């Protein structure tokens, strides 16, 4: 082969010597100019296609599809289209790889690390969340290693264009996703920032949640919530009647859970979790309805905290991939509600198996989270975990061990599931910002004030108002 190539090269030289002008003209005609527009460069990536470009000041924003193998271990067995977005600033800036662990938002938003490093942002939709669901759906292909491979392939494809430092980030299940990605591909990212990411190492041992609910907030607030939950079940008859009417008017059904009464009971047992997960405790405790509250008041508060659509078939369908993963690898919180025991009709119903159709098999893999936890303790490098003091999901956090390097765990005082770097104590905020800028390859002048490199933008940096009202991270 090499001899043949040398012969061809020799022939080319001879032809060039004989007719240099003709050859030059032909070469000039045949040469294709390299794409310079960022959209053209992105779409030149094999498997990448454009869904939409949206206007945004100071950036280019693309909604894209990328062709992924259904099974990365057997790529010949079919593909699916995975949705992602790209917020482009400059190929000279670092890039943040954001994951929510759920659907990707097609609204133009910056994550906190993207604002801090003033970079680009790639956001990936998690596999099996529609429309990024293979057809037919082989649910056995929904696991953390397949998802990490999705992320790795996207990174490898885009790193050819965005070759500066990369930071992985995400909140809640997105923070879990960013952590799992580092476990399977530790060399892809230059740093990871995982917000309020639970770490359920042993799914059969959840006493940490019981300790949390016994001590969180004030004794009076805890007492008021417990009283309200009992009252909600004591009024089950009138509430379920109203719930049934609501479902009829809104075309909601309850085939997966079983019936409207079961859905209502699950909703009530979730209230304490949802309250501490999302509510600003400084004001929300005073807003908990009293035992004497009207049915209207009770209904509105339960809907605000839990959401009556949470356990309908329509509400469950959107997030079924999460429940499947919770029941097969991620684990899920189990906590006691002894004060409701005498009022329960369906004890033990509040778990992921209830929320996934029975025709989808589920078998729990005990070693999946143990493996990740062990890796973080012994191998974490340039990783940051930001938790909330009053966030129930932070009851079982990631912890660092002797083998971790340049890695940190921070806690926001009184913080809930919306905890972030900006809400840390000043010393922690400064430290976290310094490390993130360093991981992104950005220098901070000695003595300079450590602040985000991009100013806050009320549109770009607005927190996603979509409520995750169900008991999920």
Protein backbone atom coordinates (compact mmCIF):
# COMPACT_ATOMS: atom_id res chain seq x y z
CA UNK A 1 0.00 0.00 0.00
CA UNK A 2 2.79 2.44 0.94
CA UNK A 3 4.59 1.64 -2.35
CA UNK A 4 1.41 2.38 -4.28
CA UNK A 5 1.01 5.69 -2.48
CA UNK A 6 4.63 6.65 -3.31
CA UNK A 7 4.01 5.82 -6.98
CA UNK A 8 0.90 7.99 -6.99
CA UNK A 9 2.81 10.84 -5.37
CA UNK A 10 5.61 10.51 -7.94
CA UNK A 11 3.08 10.59 -10.75
CA UNK A 12 1.48 13.66 -9.24
CA UNK A 13 4.86 15.41 -9.12
CA UNK A 14 5.55 14.59 -12.76
CA UNK A 15 2.11 15.82 -13.82
CA UNK A 16 2.60 18.95 -11.75
CA UNK A 17 5.95 19.65 -13.36
CA UNK A 18 4.50 19.23 -16.83
CA UNK A 19 1.42 21.38 -16.30
CA UNK A 20 1.72 23.33 -13.08
CA UNK A 21 -0.72 26.01 -14.16
CA UNK A 22 -3.45 23.52 -15.06
CA UNK A 23 -2.97 21.57 -11.81
CA UNK A 24 -3.10 24.72 -9.70
CA UNK A 25 -6.31 25.83 -11.36
CA UNK A 26 -7.87 22.40 -10.84
CA UNK A 27 -6.81 22.30 -7.18
CA UNK A 28 -8.20 25.76 -6.56
CA UNK A 29 -11.51 24.72 -8.09
CA UNK A 30 -11.68 21.45 -6.15
CA UNK A 31 -10.65 22.88 -2.77
CA UNK A 32 -13.59 23.47 -0.45
CA UNK A 33 -13.30 26.40 1.93
CA UNK A 34 -13.46 25.44 5.58
CA UNK A 35 -16.69 26.47 7.30
CA UNK A 36 -16.21 29.57 9.43
CA UNK A 37 -19.74 30.27 10.65
CA UNK A 38 -20.26 28.47 13.96
CA UNK A 39 -23.55 26.96 12.83
CA UNK A 40 -21.92 25.47 9.76
CA UNK A 41 -19.08 24.06 11.86
CA UNK A 42 -21.52 22.46 14.30
CA UNK A 43 -23.69 21.00 11.56
CA UNK A 44 -20.61 19.58 9.84
CA UNK A 45 -20.33 17.13 12.75
CA UNK A 46 -21.59 13.72 11.55
CA UNK A 47 -24.97 12.95 13.11
CA UNK A 48 -25.68 16.55 14.16
CA UNK A 49 -28.78 18.31 12.80
CA UNK A 50 -30.47 21.63 13.48
CA UNK A 51 -33.93 21.83 14.99
CA UNK A 52 -34.04 25.57 15.53
CA UNK A 53 -31.88 28.66 16.08
CA UNK A 54 -33.22 31.27 18.48
CA UNK A 55 -32.08 34.89 18.70
CA UNK A 56 -30.36 36.02 21.91
CA UNK A 57 -28.20 39.07 22.54
CA UNK A 58 -24.50 38.30 22.82
CA UNK A 59 -24.83 34.63 21.92
CA UNK A 60 -25.97 32.16 19.28
CA UNK A 61 -28.46 29.60 20.56
CA UNK A 62 -29.13 26.31 18.79
CA UNK A 63 -31.57 23.50 19.46
CA UNK A 64 -30.01 20.37 17.96
CA UNK A 65 -30.46 16.64 17.48
CA UNK A 66 -27.55 14.21 17.66
CA UNK A 67 -27.65 10.62 16.46
CA UNK A 68 -26.77 8.25 19.32
CA UNK A 69 -26.54 4.45 19.55
CA UNK A 70 -29.35 2.92 21.56
CA UNK A 71 -26.73 0.59 23.04
CA UNK A 72 -23.20 1.94 23.16
CA UNK A 73 -21.84 -1.57 23.69
CA UNK A 74 -23.55 -2.70 20.47
CA UNK A 75 -23.79 0.42 18.27
CA UNK A 76 -25.01 -1.58 15.26
CA UNK A 77 -28.31 -2.31 17.04
CA UNK A 78 -30.05 0.92 16.15
CA UNK A 79 -29.90 4.63 16.89
CA UNK A 80 -32.10 7.41 18.26
CA UNK A 81 -32.13 11.17 18.09
CA UNK A 82 -30.99 12.88 21.28
CA UNK A 83 -31.95 16.51 21.76
CA UNK A 84 -29.46 19.08 23.04
CA UNK A 85 -29.01 22.83 23.06
CA UNK A 86 -25.91 24.93 22.56
CA UNK A 87 -25.47 28.46 23.85
CA UNK A 88 -22.49 29.74 21.87
CA UNK A 89 -20.38 32.66 23.03
CA UNK A 90 -16.93 32.04 21.59
CA UNK A 91 -14.69 29.11 20.76
CA UNK A 92 -12.03 30.96 22.76
CA UNK A 93 -14.08 30.63 25.96
CA UNK A 94 -14.44 27.56 28.22
CA UNK A 95 -17.58 25.45 27.96
CA UNK A 96 -20.07 24.18 30.55
CA UNK A 97 -21.76 20.84 29.97
CA UNK A 98 -25.12 21.11 31.75
CA UNK A 99 -27.43 18.20 32.48
CA UNK A 100 -30.79 18.31 34.25
CA UNK A 101 -31.18 14.54 34.20
CA UNK A 102 -34.62 15.10 32.65
CA UNK A 103 -35.90 16.90 29.54
CA UNK A 104 -33.75 19.67 28.17
CA UNK A 105 -35.25 23.16 28.23
CA UNK A 106 -35.33 24.89 24.87
CA UNK A 107 -35.56 28.27 26.58
CA UNK A 108 -32.36 30.31 26.59
CA UNK A 109 -30.89 29.94 30.08
CA UNK A 110 -27.43 30.04 31.65
CA UNK A 111 -26.47 27.76 34.51
CA UNK A 112 -24.61 29.37 37.39
CA UNK A 113 -21.19 27.99 36.32
CA UNK A 114 -21.79 29.35 32.80
CA UNK A 115 -22.30 32.85 34.22
CA UNK A 116 -19.32 32.53 36.56
CA UNK A 117 -16.87 31.52 33.83
CA UNK A 118 -18.62 33.54 31.08
CA UNK A 119 -18.56 30.57 28.76
CA UNK A 120 -20.48 28.48 26.27
CA UNK A 121 -23.09 25.99 27.44
CA UNK A 122 -24.07 22.61 26.05
CA UNK A 123 -27.24 21.13 27.58
CA UNK A 124 -28.18 17.49 27.04
CA UNK A 125 -31.57 15.83 27.29
CA UNK A 126 -31.37 12.58 29.22
CA UNK A 127 -32.08 9.47 27.20
CA UNK A 128 -35.65 8.11 27.30
CA UNK A 129 -37.16 11.50 28.13
CA UNK A 130 -39.29 12.34 25.13
CA UNK A 131 -38.54 13.14 22.39
CA UNK A 132 -35.12 11.57 23.10
CA UNK A 133 -36.59 8.09 23.49
CA UNK A 134 -35.60 5.16 21.26
CA UNK A 135 -38.46 3.44 19.46
CA UNK A 136 -39.24 0.79 20.40
CA UNK A 137 -38.11 1.57 23.95
CA UNK A 138 -35.92 -1.16 25.44
CA UNK A 139 -35.91 0.07 29.04
CA UNK A 140 -32.90 -2.07 29.92
CA UNK A 141 -30.87 0.45 27.91
CA UNK A 142 -31.79 3.21 30.36
CA UNK A 143 -28.93 3.19 32.86
CA UNK A 144 -26.22 5.51 34.11
CA UNK A 145 -23.44 4.02 31.99
CA UNK A 146 -25.37 4.34 28.72
CA UNK A 147 -26.20 7.96 29.62
CA UNK A 148 -22.56 8.69 30.44
CA UNK A 149 -21.63 7.35 27.01
CA UNK A 150 -24.21 9.68 25.44
CA UNK A 151 -22.52 12.60 27.16
CA UNK A 152 -19.04 11.40 26.23
CA UNK A 153 -19.89 11.18 22.53
CA UNK A 154 -21.38 14.68 22.53
CA UNK A 155 -18.29 16.02 24.28
CA UNK A 156 -15.91 14.32 21.84
CA UNK A 157 -17.87 15.67 18.86
CA UNK A 158 -18.01 19.27 20.12
CA UNK A 159 -14.56 19.40 21.69
CA UNK A 160 -13.10 19.57 18.19
CA UNK A 161 -14.68 23.03 17.97
CA UNK A 162 -14.72 24.08 21.62
CA UNK A 163 -11.22 23.06 22.67
CA UNK A 164 -10.86 25.16 25.81
CA UNK A 165 -11.58 23.78 29.29
CA UNK A 166 -14.88 22.04 30.02
CA UNK A 167 -16.91 21.97 33.25
CA UNK A 168 -19.72 19.48 33.94
CA UNK A 169 -22.63 20.67 36.04
CA UNK A 170 -26.21 19.99 36.95
CA UNK A 171 -28.66 20.26 39.82
CA UNK A 172 -30.43 17.43 41.61
CA UNK A 173 -30.65 14.48 39.19
CA UNK A 174 -28.55 16.62 36.86
CA UNK A 175 -25.87 16.81 39.55
CA UNK A 176 -26.05 13.06 39.91
CA UNK A 177 -25.69 12.75 36.14
CA UNK A 178 -22.62 15.01 36.11
CA UNK A 179 -21.06 12.88 38.86
CA UNK A 180 -21.77 9.58 37.12
CA UNK A 181 -20.29 10.99 33.92
CA UNK A 182 -17.02 11.75 35.73
CA UNK A 183 -16.99 8.27 37.22
CA UNK A 184 -17.12 6.60 33.79
CA UNK A 185 -15.11 9.24 31.87
CA UNK A 186 -12.88 10.91 34.48
CA UNK A 187 -10.62 12.60 31.93
CA UNK A 188 -13.25 14.36 29.80
CA UNK A 189 -14.00 17.29 32.10
CA UNK A 190 -11.65 19.75 33.79
CA UNK A 191 -14.05 20.14 36.71
CA UNK A 192 -17.51 19.23 38.00
CA UNK A 193 -20.03 21.26 40.01
CA UNK A 194 -22.89 19.11 41.30
CA UNK A 195 -25.74 20.90 43.06
CA UNK A 196 -28.02 19.22 45.65
CA UNK A 197 -27.20 15.75 44.30
CA UNK A 198 -28.42 12.86 46.49
CA UNK A 199 -26.23 9.81 46.91
CA UNK A 200 -28.32 6.79 47.94
CA UNK A 201 -25.53 4.28 48.53
CA UNK A 202 -27.73 1.75 50.34
CA UNK A 203 -31.33 1.90 49.20
CA UNK A 204 -32.45 -0.28 52.12
CA UNK A 205 -31.08 2.08 54.76
CA UNK A 206 -32.76 5.50 54.78
CA UNK A 207 -32.61 6.53 58.45
CA UNK A 208 -30.89 9.76 57.41
CA UNK A 209 -34.22 11.03 56.09
CA UNK A 210 -35.97 10.28 59.38
CA UNK A 211 -33.27 12.16 61.28
CA UNK A 212 -33.67 15.08 58.89
CA UNK A 213 -37.43 15.35 59.37
CA UNK A 214 -37.07 15.08 63.15
CA UNK A 215 -34.73 18.07 63.33
CA UNK A 216 -35.26 20.36 60.34
CA UNK A 217 -36.60 23.85 60.95
CA UNK A 218 -38.42 24.66 64.17
CA UNK A 219 -40.42 22.31 66.39
CA UNK A 220 -43.54 24.41 65.80
CA UNK A 221 -43.20 24.23 62.02
CA UNK A 222 -42.74 20.46 62.14
CA UNK A 223 -45.78 20.13 64.39
CA UNK A 224 -47.94 22.31 62.11
CA UNK A 225 -46.99 20.22 59.07
CA UNK A 226 -47.78 16.95 60.85
CA UNK A 227 -51.17 18.30 61.96
CA UNK A 228 -51.96 19.48 58.46
CA UNK A 229 -51.08 16.09 56.93
CA UNK A 230 -53.42 14.32 59.35
CA UNK A 231 -56.17 16.80 58.59
CA UNK A 232 -55.73 16.18 54.86
CA UNK A 233 -56.35 12.45 55.40
CA UNK A 234 -59.16 13.01 57.86
CA UNK A 235 -60.91 14.98 55.13
CA UNK A 236 -60.13 12.30 52.55
CA UNK A 237 -63.79 11.88 51.56
CA UNK A 238 -64.45 15.46 50.51
CA UNK A 239 -60.95 15.95 49.10
CA UNK A 240 -61.05 12.82 46.93
CA UNK A 241 -64.50 13.80 45.69
CA UNK A 242 -63.12 17.15 44.61
CA UNK A 243 -60.00 15.47 43.19
CA UNK A 244 -62.21 13.16 41.11
CA UNK A 245 -64.11 16.11 39.68
CA UNK A 246 -60.87 17.98 38.99
CA UNK A 247 -59.48 14.96 37.12
CA UNK A 248 -62.62 14.68 35.01
CA UNK A 249 -62.53 18.36 34.08
CA UNK A 250 -58.80 18.20 33.25
CA UNK A 251 -58.93 14.81 31.49
CA UNK A 252 -56.55 13.18 33.96
CA UNK A 253 -56.57 9.44 34.74
CA UNK A 254 -55.05 7.14 37.39
CA UNK A 255 -54.49 3.75 35.73
CA UNK A 256 -50.80 3.44 36.69
CA UNK A 257 -51.24 4.26 40.40
CA UNK A 258 -54.53 2.40 40.52
CA UNK A 259 -57.20 4.93 41.44
CA UNK A 260 -57.73 8.49 42.60
CA UNK A 261 -57.83 7.49 46.29
CA UNK A 262 -54.36 5.92 46.07
CA UNK A 263 -53.00 8.97 44.25
CA UNK A 264 -54.37 11.23 46.98
CA UNK A 265 -52.77 9.18 49.76
CA UNK A 266 -49.37 9.24 48.06
CA UNK A 267 -49.72 12.99 47.55
CA UNK A 268 -50.40 13.58 51.24
CA UNK A 269 -47.47 11.44 52.40
CA UNK A 270 -45.23 13.50 50.10
CA UNK A 271 -46.24 16.88 51.51
CA UNK A 272 -43.57 17.17 54.19
CA UNK A 273 -40.86 16.27 51.68
CA UNK A 274 -42.09 18.71 49.06
CA UNK A 275 -42.47 21.46 51.64
CA UNK A 276 -38.84 21.38 52.80
CA UNK A 277 -37.55 20.68 49.28
CA UNK A 278 -38.95 23.83 47.72
CA UNK A 279 -40.43 26.29 50.18
CA UNK A 280 -38.52 29.24 51.65
CA UNK A 281 -38.69 28.15 55.29
CA UNK A 282 -38.37 31.71 56.59
CA UNK A 283 -41.87 32.54 55.32
CA UNK A 284 -43.50 29.22 54.38
CA UNK A 285 -43.95 27.89 57.92
CA UNK A 286 -46.32 30.76 58.72
CA UNK A 287 -48.38 29.88 55.62
CA UNK A 288 -49.12 26.29 56.60
CA UNK A 289 -52.95 26.11 56.94
CA UNK A 290 -54.42 25.53 60.37
CA UNK A 291 -56.51 22.53 61.29
CA UNK A 292 -59.59 24.71 61.01
CA UNK A 293 -58.78 25.86 57.44
CA UNK A 294 -61.52 25.63 54.84
CA UNK A 295 -61.48 22.88 52.25
CA UNK A 296 -60.64 25.50 49.62
CA UNK A 297 -57.60 26.64 51.61
CA UNK A 298 -56.47 23.08 52.13
CA UNK A 299 -56.90 22.24 48.44
CA UNK A 300 -54.90 25.24 47.26
CA UNK A 301 -52.05 24.58 49.69
CA UNK A 302 -51.78 20.90 48.78
CA UNK A 303 -51.77 21.81 45.09
CA UNK A 304 -49.02 24.38 45.69
CA UNK A 305 -46.82 21.98 47.65
CA UNK A 306 -47.55 18.68 45.91
CA UNK A 307 -49.45 19.34 42.70
CA UNK A 308 -52.62 17.36 42.03
CA UNK A 309 -51.31 16.33 38.62
CA UNK A 310 -48.25 14.65 40.14
CA UNK A 311 -49.59 11.09 40.25
CA UNK A 312 -51.99 11.13 37.34
CA UNK A 313 -51.08 9.01 34.33
CA UNK A 314 -50.33 12.18 32.42
CA UNK A 315 -48.06 13.58 35.13
CA UNK A 316 -46.22 10.30 35.61
CA UNK A 317 -45.62 9.75 31.88
CA UNK A 318 -43.40 12.81 31.60
CA UNK A 319 -41.06 11.64 34.35
CA UNK A 320 -41.43 7.88 34.13
CA UNK A 321 -37.76 7.45 33.09
CA UNK A 322 -36.73 8.91 36.46
CA UNK A 323 -38.96 6.52 38.38
CA UNK A 324 -37.62 3.62 36.35
CA UNK A 325 -34.04 4.57 37.22
CA UNK A 326 -34.92 5.15 40.87
CA UNK A 327 -36.23 1.61 41.03
CA UNK A 328 -33.37 0.01 39.11
CA UNK A 329 -30.17 1.90 40.04
CA UNK A 330 -30.48 5.31 41.70
CA UNK A 331 -32.44 4.34 44.78
CA UNK A 332 -35.10 6.51 46.41
CA UNK A 333 -35.87 7.95 49.83
CA UNK A 334 -37.89 5.93 52.27
CA UNK A 335 -39.04 7.76 55.38
CA UNK A 336 -41.49 7.07 58.17
CA UNK A 337 -44.76 8.88 58.80
CA UNK A 338 -45.91 7.17 61.98
CA UNK A 339 -48.29 10.03 62.76
CA UNK A 340 -50.35 8.99 59.72
CA UNK A 341 -50.20 5.23 60.20
CA UNK A 342 -53.77 4.84 61.50
CA UNK A 343 -55.15 6.81 58.53
CA UNK A 344 -53.37 4.98 55.71
CA UNK A 345 -55.26 2.60 53.44
CA UNK A 346 -52.32 1.66 51.23
CA UNK A 347 -49.14 1.52 53.35
CA UNK A 348 -45.99 0.93 51.32
CA UNK A 349 -47.44 2.28 48.08
CA UNK A 350 -45.16 5.31 47.89
CA UNK A 351 -42.31 3.89 45.80
CA UNK A 352 -41.12 3.86 42.20
CA UNK A 353 -42.66 0.47 41.34
CA UNK A 354 -46.07 2.06 41.85
CA UNK A 355 -45.29 4.81 39.34
CA UNK A 356 -44.04 2.68 36.42
CA UNK A 357 -46.46 0.58 34.34
CA UNK A 358 -46.33 -3.08 35.33
CA UNK A 359 -45.51 -4.22 31.80
CA UNK A 360 -42.06 -2.61 32.23
CA UNK A 361 -39.90 -4.98 34.33
CA UNK A 362 -37.75 -3.46 37.09
CA UNK A 363 -34.92 -5.15 38.98
CA UNK A 364 -32.76 -3.16 41.39
CA UNK A 365 -28.98 -3.18 40.90
CA UNK A 366 -27.49 -2.76 44.38
CA UNK A 367 -23.90 -2.11 43.32
CA UNK A 368 -24.48 0.80 40.92
CA UNK A 369 -24.50 3.58 43.53
CA UNK A 370 -21.95 1.83 45.74
CA UNK A 371 -19.54 1.84 42.83
CA UNK A 372 -20.03 5.57 42.20
CA UNK A 373 -19.75 6.41 45.89
CA UNK A 374 -16.52 4.42 46.18
CA UNK A 375 -15.09 6.14 43.11
CA UNK A 376 -15.91 9.64 44.45
CA UNK A 377 -14.31 8.89 47.83
CA UNK A 378 -11.15 7.47 46.32
CA UNK A 379 -10.77 9.22 42.96
CA UNK A 380 -12.66 12.54 42.92
CA UNK A 381 -10.51 15.27 41.42
CA UNK A 382 -11.65 18.85 40.78
CA UNK A 383 -15.19 18.11 41.94
CA UNK A 384 -17.53 20.34 43.95
CA UNK A 385 -20.76 19.41 45.71
CA UNK A 386 -23.13 22.19 46.83
CA UNK A 387 -25.92 21.11 49.21
CA UNK A 388 -28.72 22.77 51.15
CA UNK A 389 -28.98 22.55 54.94
CA UNK A 390 -32.79 22.25 54.82
CA UNK A 391 -33.06 20.25 51.62
CA UNK A 392 -34.22 16.68 52.35
CA UNK A 393 -32.30 15.38 49.33
CA UNK A 394 -29.09 16.52 51.01
CA UNK A 395 -29.73 14.01 53.82
CA UNK A 396 -27.70 11.47 51.87
CA UNK A 397 -24.97 13.55 50.18
CA UNK A 398 -21.81 12.68 48.33
CA UNK A 399 -18.82 12.60 50.66
CA UNK A 400 -15.14 12.90 49.88
CA UNK A 401 -12.46 10.51 51.08
CA UNK A 402 -8.71 10.29 51.48
CA UNK A 403 -8.24 9.69 47.75
CA UNK A 404 -10.02 12.83 46.59
CA UNK A 405 -8.00 15.83 45.39
CA UNK A 406 -8.89 19.49 44.89
CA UNK A 407 -12.52 18.62 45.69
CA UNK A 408 -15.02 20.23 48.06
CA UNK A 409 -18.40 19.84 49.75
CA UNK A 410 -20.25 23.07 50.60
CA UNK A 411 -23.55 23.60 52.42
CA UNK A 412 -25.88 26.59 52.10
CA UNK A 413 -27.18 27.62 55.55
CA UNK A 414 -30.97 27.16 55.59
CA UNK A 415 -30.78 26.31 51.89
CA UNK A 416 -33.39 24.21 50.11
CA UNK A 417 -33.28 22.36 46.78
CA UNK A 418 -32.42 25.62 45.02
CA UNK A 419 -29.07 26.00 46.80
CA UNK A 420 -26.17 27.34 44.75
CA UNK A 421 -22.76 28.98 45.01
CA UNK A 422 -24.18 32.49 45.25
CA UNK A 423 -26.06 31.53 48.45
CA UNK A 424 -23.02 30.15 50.28
CA UNK A 425 -21.37 31.93 53.18
CA UNK A 426 -18.94 34.53 51.87
CA UNK A 427 -15.78 32.53 52.54
CA UNK A 428 -17.24 29.41 50.91
CA UNK A 429 -18.63 31.42 48.00
CA UNK A 430 -15.21 32.93 47.35
CA UNK A 431 -13.47 29.57 47.59
CA UNK A 432 -15.97 27.85 45.29
CA UNK A 433 -15.78 30.63 42.71
CA UNK A 434 -11.97 30.65 42.79
CA UNK A 435 -11.76 26.91 42.22
CA UNK A 436 -14.32 26.96 39.42
CA UNK A 437 -12.48 29.75 37.59
CA UNK A 438 -9.22 27.86 38.00
CA UNK A 439 -10.70 24.61 36.66
CA UNK A 440 -12.02 26.56 33.69
CA UNK A 441 -8.49 27.75 32.93
CA UNK A 442 -9.23 31.37 33.79
CA UNK A 443 -6.72 33.43 35.73
CA UNK A 444 -7.75 35.72 38.55
CA UNK A 445 -5.30 38.51 39.29
CA UNK A 446 -3.81 38.40 42.80
CA UNK A 447 -5.89 40.56 45.12
CA UNK A 448 -8.72 40.91 42.59
CA UNK A 449 -12.31 40.50 43.77
CA UNK A 450 -13.54 37.02 43.02
CA UNK A 451 -16.86 37.42 41.19
CA UNK A 452 -18.61 35.88 38.16
CA UNK A 453 -16.95 36.97 34.93
CA UNK A 454 -20.30 37.69 33.29
CA UNK A 455 -22.75 40.13 34.88
CA UNK A 456 -26.10 38.82 36.07
CA UNK A 457 -28.77 38.91 33.36
CA UNK A 458 -32.37 38.75 34.55
CA UNK A 459 -33.43 36.83 31.44
CA UNK A 460 -30.50 34.49 30.89
CA UNK A 461 -29.94 33.75 34.56
CA UNK A 462 -33.56 33.44 35.62
CA UNK A 463 -34.09 30.21 37.46
CA UNK A 464 -36.31 27.70 35.69
CA UNK A 465 -39.79 28.20 37.16
CA UNK A 466 -40.91 24.70 36.22
CA UNK A 467 -41.92 23.06 39.47
CA UNK A 468 -40.66 19.56 40.19
CA UNK A 469 -43.47 18.96 42.65
CA UNK A 470 -43.31 15.21 42.83
CA UNK A 471 -40.97 13.54 45.28
CA UNK A 472 -37.99 13.34 42.98
CA UNK A 473 -34.62 15.08 42.75
